[in-house]
């Protein structure tokens, strides 16, 4: 499902599958320390804004793929799309504004690792 959802959203399916694996290990019942839930590890407010039930793995995969597709189009760079998903688009924008071309080195270490694991 994740592979097909990525193709429909116009994002690289191999990265999206790795992303979901990194987020939850494809566990639809996963819960994160910061309150993120489900297979795509959405914050409940993010899921609500997307109009999806974060506990529904099919809807969550589709929503995550659409969100990544939007980020990918907005930033033109999959690493930036991943940073926005992981750290938030506001954090990404502040880092890009502050650090320019070396933006990635200014991200929180957890987000740097997130990008490296998925885009290896």
C-alpha atoms as a PDB file:
ATOM      1  CA  UNK A   1       0.000   0.000   0.000  1.00  0.00           C
ATOM      2  CA  UNK A   2       2.753   2.473   0.928  1.00  0.00           C
ATOM      3  CA  UNK A   3       4.530   1.925  -2.374  1.00  0.00           C
ATOM      4  CA  UNK A   4       1.351   2.589  -4.377  1.00  0.00           C
ATOM      5  CA  UNK A   5       0.392   5.599  -2.265  1.00  0.00           C
ATOM      6  CA  UNK A   6       3.841   7.085  -2.893  1.00  0.00           C
ATOM      7  CA  UNK A   7       3.517   6.578  -6.637  1.00  0.00           C
ATOM      8  CA  UNK A   8       0.102   8.260  -6.597  1.00  0.00           C
ATOM      9  CA  UNK A   9       1.538  11.199  -4.620  1.00  0.00           C
ATOM     10  CA  UNK A  10       4.505  11.571  -6.993  1.00  0.00           C
ATOM     11  CA  UNK A  11       7.176  10.773  -4.434  1.00  0.00           C
ATOM     12  CA  UNK A  12       9.946   8.144  -4.510  1.00  0.00           C
ATOM     13  CA  UNK A  13       8.314   4.964  -3.194  1.00  0.00           C
ATOM     14  CA  UNK A  14      11.548   3.476  -1.847  1.00  0.00           C
ATOM     15  CA  UNK A  15      12.042   6.534   0.377  1.00  0.00           C
ATOM     16  CA  UNK A  16       8.416   6.565   1.505  1.00  0.00           C
ATOM     17  CA  UNK A  17       8.519   2.884   2.474  1.00  0.00           C
ATOM     18  CA  UNK A  18      11.720   3.528   4.464  1.00  0.00           C
ATOM     19  CA  UNK A  19      10.081   6.566   6.047  1.00  0.00           C
ATOM     20  CA  UNK A  20       7.086   4.604   7.307  1.00  0.00           C
ATOM     21  CA  UNK A  21       9.391   1.857   8.506  1.00  0.00           C
ATOM     22  CA  UNK A  22      11.411   4.479  10.397  1.00  0.00           C
ATOM     23  CA  UNK A  23       8.264   6.088  11.806  1.00  0.00           C
ATOM     24  CA  UNK A  24       6.521   2.983  13.140  1.00  0.00           C
ATOM     25  CA  UNK A  25       8.001  -0.209  11.729  1.00  0.00           C
ATOM     26  CA  UNK A  26       4.648  -0.425   9.885  1.00  0.00           C
ATOM     27  CA  UNK A  27       2.870  -0.849  13.234  1.00  0.00           C
ATOM     28  CA  UNK A  28      -0.597   0.774  13.033  1.00  0.00           C
ATOM     29  CA  UNK A  29      -0.792   0.801  16.849  1.00  0.00           C
ATOM     30  CA  UNK A  30       2.534   2.602  17.372  1.00  0.00           C
ATOM     31  CA  UNK A  31       2.689   5.505  19.813  1.00  0.00           C
ATOM     32  CA  UNK A  32       5.512   7.998  20.089  1.00  0.00           C
ATOM     33  CA  UNK A  33       6.830   9.796  23.155  1.00  0.00           C
ATOM     34  CA  UNK A  34       5.631  13.192  21.912  1.00  0.00           C
ATOM     35  CA  UNK A  35       2.063  11.985  21.320  1.00  0.00           C
ATOM     36  CA  UNK A  36       2.323  10.864  17.695  1.00  0.00           C
ATOM     37  CA  UNK A  37       0.188   7.851  16.812  1.00  0.00           C
ATOM     38  CA  UNK A  38      -0.414   5.219  14.179  1.00  0.00           C
ATOM     39  CA  UNK A  39       1.498   3.837  11.252  1.00  0.00           C
ATOM     40  CA  UNK A  40       2.543   7.283   9.968  1.00  0.00           C
ATOM     41  CA  UNK A  41       3.110   8.689  13.483  1.00  0.00           C
ATOM     42  CA  UNK A  42       0.874  11.715  13.051  1.00  0.00           C
ATOM     43  CA  UNK A  43       0.210  14.134  15.839  1.00  0.00           C
ATOM     44  CA  UNK A  44      -3.557  14.028  16.376  1.00  0.00           C
ATOM     45  CA  UNK A  45      -3.840  17.702  15.368  1.00  0.00           C
ATOM     46  CA  UNK A  46      -1.990  17.050  12.098  1.00  0.00           C
ATOM     47  CA  UNK A  47      -4.205  14.061  11.318  1.00  0.00           C
ATOM     48  CA  UNK A  48      -7.280  16.147  12.073  1.00  0.00           C
ATOM     49  CA  UNK A  49      -6.051  18.910   9.764  1.00  0.00           C
ATOM     50  CA  UNK A  50      -5.600  16.332   7.024  1.00  0.00           C
ATOM     51  CA  UNK A  51      -9.061  14.932   7.702  1.00  0.00           C
ATOM     52  CA  UNK A  52      -7.831  11.438   8.506  1.00  0.00           C
ATOM     53  CA  UNK A  53      -8.062   8.991  11.375  1.00  0.00           C
ATOM     54  CA  UNK A  54      -4.443   8.384  12.445  1.00  0.00           C
ATOM     55  CA  UNK A  55      -5.382   4.911  13.696  1.00  0.00           C
ATOM     56  CA  UNK A  56      -6.605   3.851  10.239  1.00  0.00           C
ATOM     57  CA  UNK A  57      -3.455   2.560   8.520  1.00  0.00           C
ATOM     58  CA  UNK A  58      -4.846   2.887   4.991  1.00  0.00           C
ATOM     59  CA  UNK A  59      -5.989   6.481   5.509  1.00  0.00           C
ATOM     60  CA  UNK A  60      -2.761   7.332   7.354  1.00  0.00           C
ATOM     61  CA  UNK A  61      -0.541   6.010   4.575  1.00  0.00           C
ATOM     62  CA  UNK A  62      -2.522   7.919   1.982  1.00  0.00           C
ATOM     63  CA  UNK A  63      -2.439  11.076   4.092  1.00  0.00           C
ATOM     64  CA  UNK A  64       1.288  10.789   4.771  1.00  0.00           C
ATOM     65  CA  UNK A  65       2.024  10.241   1.080  1.00  0.00           C
ATOM     66  CA  UNK A  66      -0.084  13.273   0.107  1.00  0.00           C
ATOM     67  CA  UNK A  67       1.606  15.402   2.772  1.00  0.00           C
ATOM     68  CA  UNK A  68       5.055  14.308   1.596  1.00  0.00           C
ATOM     69  CA  UNK A  69       4.023  15.013  -1.988  1.00  0.00           C
ATOM     70  CA  UNK A  70       3.007  18.535  -0.984  1.00  0.00           C
ATOM     71  CA  UNK A  71       6.267  19.075   0.904  1.00  0.00           C
ATOM     72  CA  UNK A  72       8.277  17.671  -2.000  1.00  0.00           C
ATOM     73  CA  UNK A  73       6.602  20.063  -4.437  1.00  0.00           C
ATOM     74  CA  UNK A  74       6.955  23.016  -2.070  1.00  0.00           C
ATOM     75  CA  UNK A  75      10.627  22.462  -1.270  1.00  0.00           C
ATOM     76  CA  UNK A  76      11.807  20.721  -4.459  1.00  0.00           C
ATOM     77  CA  UNK A  77      14.026  18.507  -2.336  1.00  0.00           C
ATOM     78  CA  UNK A  78      13.095  15.216  -0.696  1.00  0.00           C
ATOM     79  CA  UNK A  79      15.501  15.739   2.228  1.00  0.00           C
ATOM     80  CA  UNK A  80      13.737  19.022   3.011  1.00  0.00           C
ATOM     81  CA  UNK A  81      10.368  17.280   2.724  1.00  0.00           C
ATOM     82  CA  UNK A  82      11.541  14.706   5.269  1.00  0.00           C
ATOM     83  CA  UNK A  83      12.808  17.460   7.567  1.00  0.00           C
ATOM     84  CA  UNK A  84       9.435  19.204   7.403  1.00  0.00           C
ATOM     85  CA  UNK A  85       7.618  15.943   8.204  1.00  0.00           C
ATOM     86  CA  UNK A  86       9.923  15.138  11.117  1.00  0.00           C
ATOM     87  CA  UNK A  87      10.705  18.521  12.654  1.00  0.00           C
ATOM     88  CA  UNK A  88       7.899  20.660  11.243  1.00  0.00           C
ATOM     89  CA  UNK A  89       7.817  23.060   8.348  1.00  0.00           C
ATOM     90  CA  UNK A  90       8.397  26.043  10.640  1.00  0.00           C
ATOM     91  CA  UNK A  91      11.594  24.500  11.982  1.00  0.00           C
ATOM     92  CA  UNK A  92      12.761  23.726   8.464  1.00  0.00           C
ATOM     93  CA  UNK A  93      12.127  27.297   7.311  1.00  0.00           C
ATOM     94  CA  UNK A  94      14.008  28.787  10.283  1.00  0.00           C
ATOM     95  CA  UNK A  95      16.960  26.465   9.639  1.00  0.00           C
ATOM     96  CA  UNK A  96      17.074  27.281   5.917  1.00  0.00           C
ATOM     97  CA  UNK A  97      16.841  31.017   6.648  1.00  0.00           C
ATOM     98  CA  UNK A  98      19.603  30.829   9.254  1.00  0.00           C
ATOM     99  CA  UNK A  99      22.002  28.364   7.627  1.00  0.00           C
ATOM    100  CA  UNK A 100      21.374  28.612   3.888  1.00  0.00           C
ATOM    101  CA  UNK A 101      23.010  25.898   1.804  1.00  0.00           C
ATOM    102  CA  UNK A 102      24.258  24.084   4.940  1.00  0.00           C
ATOM    103  CA  UNK A 103      20.701  23.890   6.334  1.00  0.00           C
ATOM    104  CA  UNK A 104      20.921  20.175   7.079  1.00  0.00           C
ATOM    105  CA  UNK A 105      23.768  20.621   9.559  1.00  0.00           C
ATOM    106  CA  UNK A 106      21.607  23.058  11.541  1.00  0.00           C
ATOM    107  CA  UNK A 107      18.738  20.605  12.057  1.00  0.00           C
ATOM    108  CA  UNK A 108      18.267  18.781  15.360  1.00  0.00           C
ATOM    109  CA  UNK A 109      20.423  15.629  15.445  1.00  0.00           C
ATOM    110  CA  UNK A 110      17.356  13.386  15.496  1.00  0.00           C
ATOM    111  CA  UNK A 111      16.101  14.944  12.241  1.00  0.00           C
ATOM    112  CA  UNK A 112      19.536  14.694  10.625  1.00  0.00           C
ATOM    113  CA  UNK A 113      19.580  10.982  11.500  1.00  0.00           C
ATOM    114  CA  UNK A 114      16.005  10.558  10.245  1.00  0.00           C
ATOM    115  CA  UNK A 115      16.964  11.937   6.821  1.00  0.00           C
ATOM    116  CA  UNK A 116      20.189   9.903   6.669  1.00  0.00           C
ATOM    117  CA  UNK A 117      18.488   6.611   7.535  1.00  0.00           C
ATOM    118  CA  UNK A 118      15.726   7.095   4.972  1.00  0.00           C
ATOM    119  CA  UNK A 119      17.847   8.472   2.117  1.00  0.00           C
ATOM    120  CA  UNK A 120      20.883   6.190   2.541  1.00  0.00           C
END
